[in-house]
Amino acid sequence: MIKLELTESVVLHSVDDVVERMEKIRALGVGISLDDFGTGYSLLSYLKRLPLDQVKIDQTFVREVTTDPGDAAIVRATLFIRKALGLQVIVEGVETEAQFGFLNESGFPGYQGYLFRRPLPIDEWEPLLSR
């Protein structure tokens, strides 16, 4: 149930060393998520090599996903990559019903963003758990 989120810059710094450490972390039962996918190097060969459980599509591709064909293509292509590599995908920065509708119709299973809830301080978050 716990996922460690790593950014591309951390993961791709020293790949062999990072892969070894990631495998040790996964052996402890901790999932590993690649955060801000698409904003850095995003080399597809690394996605295949890294022991990842999840990638998070950066919000820069989501902002104009309903109006920019390039962003829409990148987001949809991520679905194919996800299926081929067996990764979970979370889409960050979902703020409008139109974005959610596009992503949902495209087949994305996971979302984050202000459309669902704004970030909360821990003292406001804890009561939500008891509901």
N, C-alpha and C. Protein backbone atom coordinates (compact mmCIF):
# COMPACT_ATOMS: atom_id res chain seq x y z
N MET A 1 0.81 -1.20 0.00
CA MET A 1 0.00 0.00 0.00
C MET A 1 0.86 1.27 0.00
N ILE A 2 2.14 1.13 0.24
CA ILE A 2 3.02 2.29 0.25
C ILE A 2 3.76 2.35 -1.08
N LYS A 3 3.81 3.55 -1.64
CA LYS A 3 4.56 3.77 -2.88
C LYS A 3 5.58 4.87 -2.64
N LEU A 4 6.78 4.64 -3.11
CA LEU A 4 7.84 5.63 -3.09
C LEU A 4 7.85 6.30 -4.45
N GLU A 5 7.70 7.63 -4.47
CA GLU A 5 7.70 8.36 -5.72
C GLU A 5 9.09 8.93 -5.97
N LEU A 6 9.63 8.62 -7.13
CA LEU A 6 10.93 9.12 -7.53
C LEU A 6 10.78 9.96 -8.79
N THR A 7 11.53 11.03 -8.89
CA THR A 7 11.50 11.83 -10.11
C THR A 7 12.50 11.26 -11.11
N GLU A 8 12.29 11.59 -12.37
CA GLU A 8 13.17 11.08 -13.42
C GLU A 8 14.63 11.46 -13.18
N SER A 9 14.86 12.67 -12.71
CA SER A 9 16.25 13.12 -12.52
C SER A 9 16.96 12.27 -11.48
N VAL A 10 16.26 11.82 -10.45
CA VAL A 10 16.87 10.95 -9.44
C VAL A 10 17.11 9.57 -10.00
N VAL A 11 16.13 9.03 -10.69
CA VAL A 11 16.21 7.67 -11.21
C VAL A 11 17.28 7.53 -12.27
N LEU A 12 17.44 8.51 -13.13
CA LEU A 12 18.34 8.38 -14.27
C LEU A 12 19.76 8.88 -13.99
N HIS A 13 20.00 9.31 -12.76
CA HIS A 13 21.32 9.84 -12.41
C HIS A 13 22.41 8.77 -12.52
N SER A 14 22.20 7.65 -11.87
CA SER A 14 23.16 6.54 -11.91
C SER A 14 22.33 5.26 -12.00
N VAL A 15 21.93 4.91 -13.20
CA VAL A 15 20.91 3.90 -13.41
C VAL A 15 21.22 2.56 -12.77
N ASP A 16 22.41 2.03 -12.94
CA ASP A 16 22.72 0.72 -12.38
C ASP A 16 22.58 0.70 -10.86
N ASP A 17 23.09 1.73 -10.21
CA ASP A 17 22.99 1.84 -8.76
C ASP A 17 21.54 2.01 -8.33
N VAL A 18 20.81 2.83 -9.04
CA VAL A 18 19.41 3.10 -8.70
C VAL A 18 18.55 1.84 -8.89
N VAL A 19 18.78 1.10 -9.95
CA VAL A 19 18.02 -0.13 -10.18
C VAL A 19 18.24 -1.10 -9.04
N GLU A 20 19.47 -1.25 -8.60
CA GLU A 20 19.78 -2.15 -7.49
C GLU A 20 19.04 -1.71 -6.22
N ARG A 21 19.08 -0.43 -5.94
CA ARG A 21 18.39 0.08 -4.75
C ARG A 21 16.87 -0.07 -4.87
N MET A 22 16.35 0.18 -6.06
CA MET A 22 14.91 0.05 -6.27
C MET A 22 14.46 -1.39 -6.06
N GLU A 23 15.25 -2.34 -6.53
CA GLU A 23 14.89 -3.75 -6.35
C GLU A 23 14.88 -4.13 -4.87
N LYS A 24 15.80 -3.59 -4.09
CA LYS A 24 15.82 -3.86 -2.65
C LYS A 24 14.59 -3.26 -1.97
N ILE A 25 14.20 -2.08 -2.39
CA ILE A 25 13.02 -1.43 -1.82
C ILE A 25 11.76 -2.21 -2.17
N ARG A 26 11.66 -2.64 -3.42
CA ARG A 26 10.49 -3.44 -3.83
C ARG A 26 10.42 -4.75 -3.08
N ALA A 27 11.57 -5.33 -2.76
CA ALA A 27 11.60 -6.59 -2.01
C ALA A 27 11.01 -6.42 -0.62
N LEU A 28 11.01 -5.19 -0.12
CA LEU A 28 10.41 -4.90 1.19
C LEU A 28 8.89 -4.71 1.09
N GLY A 29 8.36 -4.76 -0.13
CA GLY A 29 6.93 -4.59 -0.32
C GLY A 29 6.50 -3.18 -0.63
N VAL A 30 7.45 -2.31 -0.89
CA VAL A 30 7.15 -0.92 -1.22
C VAL A 30 7.10 -0.78 -2.74
N GLY A 31 6.01 -0.22 -3.25
CA GLY A 31 5.89 0.04 -4.68
C GLY A 31 6.70 1.26 -5.06
N ILE A 32 7.05 1.34 -6.33
CA ILE A 32 7.85 2.47 -6.80
C ILE A 32 7.14 3.14 -7.97
N SER A 33 6.99 4.45 -7.86
CA SER A 33 6.31 5.23 -8.87
C SER A 33 7.26 6.26 -9.46
N LEU A 34 7.24 6.40 -10.78
CA LEU A 34 8.04 7.42 -11.45
C LEU A 34 7.17 8.66 -11.60
N ASP A 35 7.52 9.71 -10.86
CA ASP A 35 6.72 10.93 -10.82
C ASP A 35 7.15 11.86 -11.96
N ASP A 36 6.22 12.72 -12.37
CA ASP A 36 6.47 13.74 -13.40
C ASP A 36 6.93 13.13 -14.71
N PHE A 37 6.36 11.99 -15.08
CA PHE A 37 6.74 11.31 -16.32
C PHE A 37 6.54 12.25 -17.50
N GLY A 38 7.57 12.33 -18.32
CA GLY A 38 7.49 13.14 -19.53
C GLY A 38 8.14 14.49 -19.42
N THR A 39 8.56 14.89 -18.23
CA THR A 39 9.12 16.24 -18.08
C THR A 39 10.64 16.27 -18.15
N GLY A 40 11.25 15.13 -18.00
CA GLY A 40 12.72 15.08 -18.00
C GLY A 40 13.21 14.30 -19.19
N TYR A 41 13.95 13.25 -18.89
CA TYR A 41 14.56 12.46 -19.95
C TYR A 41 13.57 11.49 -20.59
N SER A 42 12.78 10.82 -19.80
CA SER A 42 11.73 9.91 -20.26
C SER A 42 12.16 8.97 -21.37
N LEU A 43 13.34 8.45 -21.29
CA LEU A 43 13.78 7.52 -22.29
C LEU A 43 13.04 6.19 -22.10
N LEU A 44 12.42 5.74 -23.15
CA LEU A 44 11.60 4.54 -23.04
C LEU A 44 12.44 3.31 -22.67
N SER A 45 13.69 3.28 -23.07
CA SER A 45 14.54 2.15 -22.70
C SER A 45 14.71 2.07 -21.19
N TYR A 46 14.70 3.21 -20.51
CA TYR A 46 14.80 3.19 -19.05
C TYR A 46 13.53 2.66 -18.41
N LEU A 47 12.39 2.99 -18.99
CA LEU A 47 11.14 2.48 -18.43
C LEU A 47 11.12 0.97 -18.46
N LYS A 48 11.66 0.40 -19.50
CA LYS A 48 11.70 -1.05 -19.62
C LYS A 48 12.66 -1.66 -18.59
N ARG A 49 13.73 -0.96 -18.30
CA ARG A 49 14.79 -1.48 -17.42
C ARG A 49 14.51 -1.28 -15.94
N LEU A 50 13.85 -0.19 -15.59
CA LEU A 50 13.64 0.14 -14.18
C LEU A 50 12.56 -0.72 -13.56
N PRO A 51 12.75 -1.15 -12.31
CA PRO A 51 11.73 -1.95 -11.63
C PRO A 51 10.63 -1.06 -11.07
N LEU A 52 9.79 -0.55 -11.96
CA LEU A 52 8.72 0.36 -11.57
C LEU A 52 7.39 -0.37 -11.45
N ASP A 53 6.52 0.17 -10.63
CA ASP A 53 5.15 -0.31 -10.52
C ASP A 53 4.19 0.67 -11.18
N GLN A 54 4.61 1.94 -11.24
CA GLN A 54 3.68 2.99 -11.65
C GLN A 54 4.43 4.16 -12.27
N VAL A 55 3.78 4.84 -13.20
CA VAL A 55 4.26 6.12 -13.69
C VAL A 55 3.14 7.14 -13.49
N LYS A 56 3.56 8.36 -13.24
CA LYS A 56 2.60 9.45 -13.06
C LYS A 56 2.81 10.46 -14.19
N ILE A 57 1.81 10.59 -15.04
CA ILE A 57 1.89 11.52 -16.16
C ILE A 57 1.82 12.94 -15.61
N ASP A 58 2.79 13.75 -15.96
CA ASP A 58 2.86 15.10 -15.44
C ASP A 58 1.71 15.96 -15.95
N GLN A 59 1.31 16.88 -15.10
CA GLN A 59 0.18 17.75 -15.40
C GLN A 59 0.41 18.66 -16.61
N THR A 60 1.66 18.86 -17.01
CA THR A 60 1.90 19.71 -18.18
C THR A 60 1.26 19.13 -19.43
N PHE A 61 1.07 17.81 -19.49
CA PHE A 61 0.42 17.19 -20.63
C PHE A 61 -1.09 17.15 -20.48
N VAL A 62 -1.56 17.35 -19.27
CA VAL A 62 -2.99 17.25 -18.99
C VAL A 62 -3.70 18.59 -19.18
N ARG A 63 -3.00 19.68 -18.89
CA ARG A 63 -3.62 21.01 -18.97
C ARG A 63 -4.38 21.24 -20.26
N GLU A 64 -3.77 20.87 -21.38
CA GLU A 64 -4.39 21.15 -22.68
C GLU A 64 -4.72 19.87 -23.44
N VAL A 65 -4.95 18.79 -22.70
CA VAL A 65 -5.20 17.50 -23.33
C VAL A 65 -6.44 17.51 -24.21
N THR A 66 -7.40 18.38 -23.92
CA THR A 66 -8.63 18.43 -24.73
C THR A 66 -8.52 19.38 -25.91
N THR A 67 -7.45 20.19 -25.96
CA THR A 67 -7.33 21.18 -27.04
C THR A 67 -6.04 21.05 -27.84
N ASP A 68 -5.05 20.36 -27.33
CA ASP A 68 -3.77 20.23 -28.02
C ASP A 68 -3.59 18.78 -28.48
N PRO A 69 -3.63 18.54 -29.80
CA PRO A 69 -3.50 17.17 -30.29
C PRO A 69 -2.18 16.50 -29.89
N GLY A 70 -1.12 17.28 -29.74
CA GLY A 70 0.16 16.72 -29.31
C GLY A 70 0.09 16.18 -27.90
N ASP A 71 -0.50 16.96 -26.98
CA ASP A 71 -0.65 16.49 -25.61
C ASP A 71 -1.55 15.26 -25.55
N ALA A 72 -2.63 15.28 -26.32
CA ALA A 72 -3.54 14.13 -26.35
C ALA A 72 -2.82 12.88 -26.84
N ALA A 73 -1.98 13.03 -27.86
CA ALA A 73 -1.24 11.89 -28.39
C ALA A 73 -0.25 11.34 -27.37
N ILE A 74 0.45 12.22 -26.67
CA ILE A 74 1.41 11.78 -25.65
C ILE A 74 0.69 11.03 -24.53
N VAL A 75 -0.42 11.57 -24.09
CA VAL A 75 -1.17 10.94 -23.00
C VAL A 75 -1.70 9.57 -23.44
N ARG A 76 -2.24 9.49 -24.65
CA ARG A 76 -2.75 8.21 -25.14
C ARG A 76 -1.62 7.19 -25.34
N ALA A 77 -0.48 7.65 -25.83
CA ALA A 77 0.66 6.75 -26.04
C ALA A 77 1.11 6.14 -24.72
N THR A 78 0.98 6.89 -23.65
CA THR A 78 1.36 6.38 -22.34
C THR A 78 0.50 5.17 -21.95
N LEU A 79 -0.74 5.16 -22.40
CA LEU A 79 -1.60 4.00 -22.13
C LEU A 79 -1.04 2.73 -22.77
N PHE A 80 -0.57 2.86 -24.00
CA PHE A 80 0.00 1.69 -24.68
C PHE A 80 1.27 1.22 -23.97
N ILE A 81 2.09 2.16 -23.55
CA ILE A 81 3.32 1.82 -22.83
C ILE A 81 2.96 1.11 -21.53
N ARG A 82 1.97 1.65 -20.85
CA ARG A 82 1.52 1.07 -19.58
C ARG A 82 1.14 -0.39 -19.77
N LYS A 83 0.34 -0.65 -20.77
CA LYS A 83 -0.12 -2.02 -21.00
C LYS A 83 1.03 -2.94 -21.36
N ALA A 84 1.93 -2.46 -22.21
CA ALA A 84 3.05 -3.28 -22.66
C ALA A 84 4.00 -3.63 -21.52
N LEU A 85 4.19 -2.69 -20.60
CA LEU A 85 5.15 -2.89 -19.50
C LEU A 85 4.49 -3.31 -18.20
N GLY A 86 3.16 -3.40 -18.19
CA GLY A 86 2.46 -3.82 -16.98
C GLY A 86 2.52 -2.81 -15.86
N LEU A 87 2.51 -1.53 -16.20
CA LEU A 87 2.59 -0.47 -15.19
C LEU A 87 1.23 0.12 -14.87
N GLN A 88 1.09 0.59 -13.65
CA GLN A 88 -0.06 1.41 -13.30
C GLN A 88 0.24 2.83 -13.76
N VAL A 89 -0.80 3.59 -14.08
CA VAL A 89 -0.61 4.98 -14.49
C VAL A 89 -1.54 5.86 -13.68
N ILE A 90 -0.98 6.95 -13.16
CA ILE A 90 -1.76 7.99 -12.50
C ILE A 90 -1.58 9.25 -13.32
N VAL A 91 -2.67 9.94 -13.59
CA VAL A 91 -2.61 11.20 -14.34
C VAL A 91 -2.71 12.34 -13.33
N GLU A 92 -1.70 13.20 -13.33
CA GLU A 92 -1.66 14.32 -12.38
C GLU A 92 -2.31 15.56 -12.98
N GLY A 93 -2.80 16.42 -12.11
CA GLY A 93 -3.26 17.74 -12.52
C GLY A 93 -4.62 17.76 -13.18
N VAL A 94 -5.49 16.81 -12.87
CA VAL A 94 -6.83 16.81 -13.44
C VAL A 94 -7.66 17.86 -12.69
N GLU A 95 -8.02 18.92 -13.40
CA GLU A 95 -8.70 20.04 -12.75
C GLU A 95 -10.08 20.35 -13.31
N THR A 96 -10.40 19.81 -14.49
CA THR A 96 -11.70 20.12 -15.10
C THR A 96 -12.44 18.84 -15.47
N GLU A 97 -13.75 18.98 -15.59
CA GLU A 97 -14.58 17.85 -16.02
C GLU A 97 -14.20 17.42 -17.43
N ALA A 98 -13.84 18.38 -18.29
CA ALA A 98 -13.45 18.05 -19.67
C ALA A 98 -12.19 17.19 -19.69
N GLN A 99 -11.21 17.54 -18.88
CA GLN A 99 -10.00 16.72 -18.80
C GLN A 99 -10.33 15.32 -18.30
N PHE A 100 -11.11 15.27 -17.23
CA PHE A 100 -11.48 13.97 -16.67
C PHE A 100 -12.24 13.14 -17.70
N GLY A 101 -13.17 13.76 -18.41
CA GLY A 101 -13.95 13.04 -19.41
C GLY A 101 -13.06 12.45 -20.49
N PHE A 102 -12.12 13.24 -21.00
CA PHE A 102 -11.20 12.76 -22.03
C PHE A 102 -10.37 11.60 -21.51
N LEU A 103 -9.81 11.75 -20.33
CA LEU A 103 -8.94 10.72 -19.75
C LEU A 103 -9.72 9.45 -19.44
N ASN A 104 -10.91 9.62 -18.90
CA ASN A 104 -11.75 8.47 -18.57
C ASN A 104 -12.14 7.71 -19.83
N GLU A 105 -12.55 8.43 -20.87
CA GLU A 105 -12.91 7.78 -22.14
C GLU A 105 -11.71 7.12 -22.79
N SER A 106 -10.52 7.65 -22.54
CA SER A 106 -9.30 7.07 -23.10
C SER A 106 -8.87 5.81 -22.36
N GLY A 107 -9.45 5.57 -21.19
CA GLY A 107 -9.16 4.35 -20.46
C GLY A 107 -8.21 4.45 -19.29
N PHE A 108 -7.96 5.67 -18.82
CA PHE A 108 -7.06 5.81 -17.68
C PHE A 108 -7.77 5.42 -16.39
N PRO A 109 -7.09 4.63 -15.56
CA PRO A 109 -7.71 4.16 -14.33
C PRO A 109 -7.47 5.02 -13.10
N GLY A 110 -6.46 5.90 -13.10
CA GLY A 110 -6.13 6.64 -11.88
C GLY A 110 -5.87 8.10 -12.14
N TYR A 111 -6.32 8.94 -11.22
CA TYR A 111 -6.23 10.39 -11.39
C TYR A 111 -5.86 11.07 -10.08
N GLN A 112 -5.23 12.24 -10.22
CA GLN A 112 -4.99 13.14 -9.10
C GLN A 112 -5.30 14.53 -9.60
N GLY A 113 -5.79 15.37 -8.72
CA GLY A 113 -5.97 16.76 -9.11
C GLY A 113 -7.03 17.47 -8.30
N TYR A 114 -7.07 18.77 -8.49
CA TYR A 114 -7.99 19.61 -7.75
C TYR A 114 -9.45 19.31 -8.05
N LEU A 115 -9.74 18.68 -9.19
CA LEU A 115 -11.12 18.32 -9.48
C LEU A 115 -11.67 17.40 -8.39
N PHE A 116 -10.82 16.57 -7.82
CA PHE A 116 -11.25 15.59 -6.82
C PHE A 116 -11.10 16.10 -5.40
N ARG A 117 -10.00 16.77 -5.10
CA ARG A 117 -9.78 17.36 -3.78
C ARG A 117 -8.46 18.11 -3.81
N ARG A 118 -8.49 19.25 -3.17
CA ARG A 118 -7.26 20.02 -3.01
C ARG A 118 -6.42 19.40 -1.89
N PRO A 119 -5.11 19.62 -1.91
CA PRO A 119 -4.28 19.11 -0.82
C PRO A 119 -4.76 19.66 0.53
N LEU A 120 -4.65 18.84 1.53
CA LEU A 120 -5.10 19.21 2.87
C LEU A 120 -3.97 19.10 3.88
N PRO A 121 -3.99 19.98 4.89
CA PRO A 121 -3.06 19.78 6.01
C PRO A 121 -3.43 18.48 6.73
N ILE A 122 -2.47 17.86 7.38
CA ILE A 122 -2.68 16.57 8.01
C ILE A 122 -3.83 16.60 9.03
N ASP A 123 -3.99 17.70 9.77
CA ASP A 123 -5.06 17.73 10.77
C ASP A 123 -6.45 17.76 10.13
N GLU A 124 -6.57 18.18 8.88
CA GLU A 124 -7.85 18.13 8.19
C GLU A 124 -8.03 16.79 7.47
N TRP A 125 -6.94 16.13 7.17
CA TRP A 125 -6.99 14.87 6.45
C TRP A 125 -7.36 13.70 7.35
N GLU A 126 -6.88 13.71 8.58
CA GLU A 126 -7.13 12.60 9.49
C GLU A 126 -8.63 12.30 9.71
N PRO A 127 -9.48 13.35 9.88
CA PRO A 127 -10.91 13.04 10.05
C PRO A 127 -11.53 12.32 8.83
N LEU A 128 -10.99 12.57 7.65
CA LEU A 128 -11.49 11.89 6.44
C LEU A 128 -11.29 10.38 6.53
N LEU A 129 -10.22 9.97 7.18
CA LEU A 129 -9.95 8.54 7.31
C LEU A 129 -11.00 7.83 8.16
N SER A 130 -11.53 8.52 9.14
CA SER A 130 -12.50 7.89 10.04
C SER A 130 -13.89 7.76 9.39
N ARG A 131 -14.10 8.49 8.30
CA ARG A 131 -15.41 8.37 7.61
C ARG A 131 -15.41 7.13 6.84
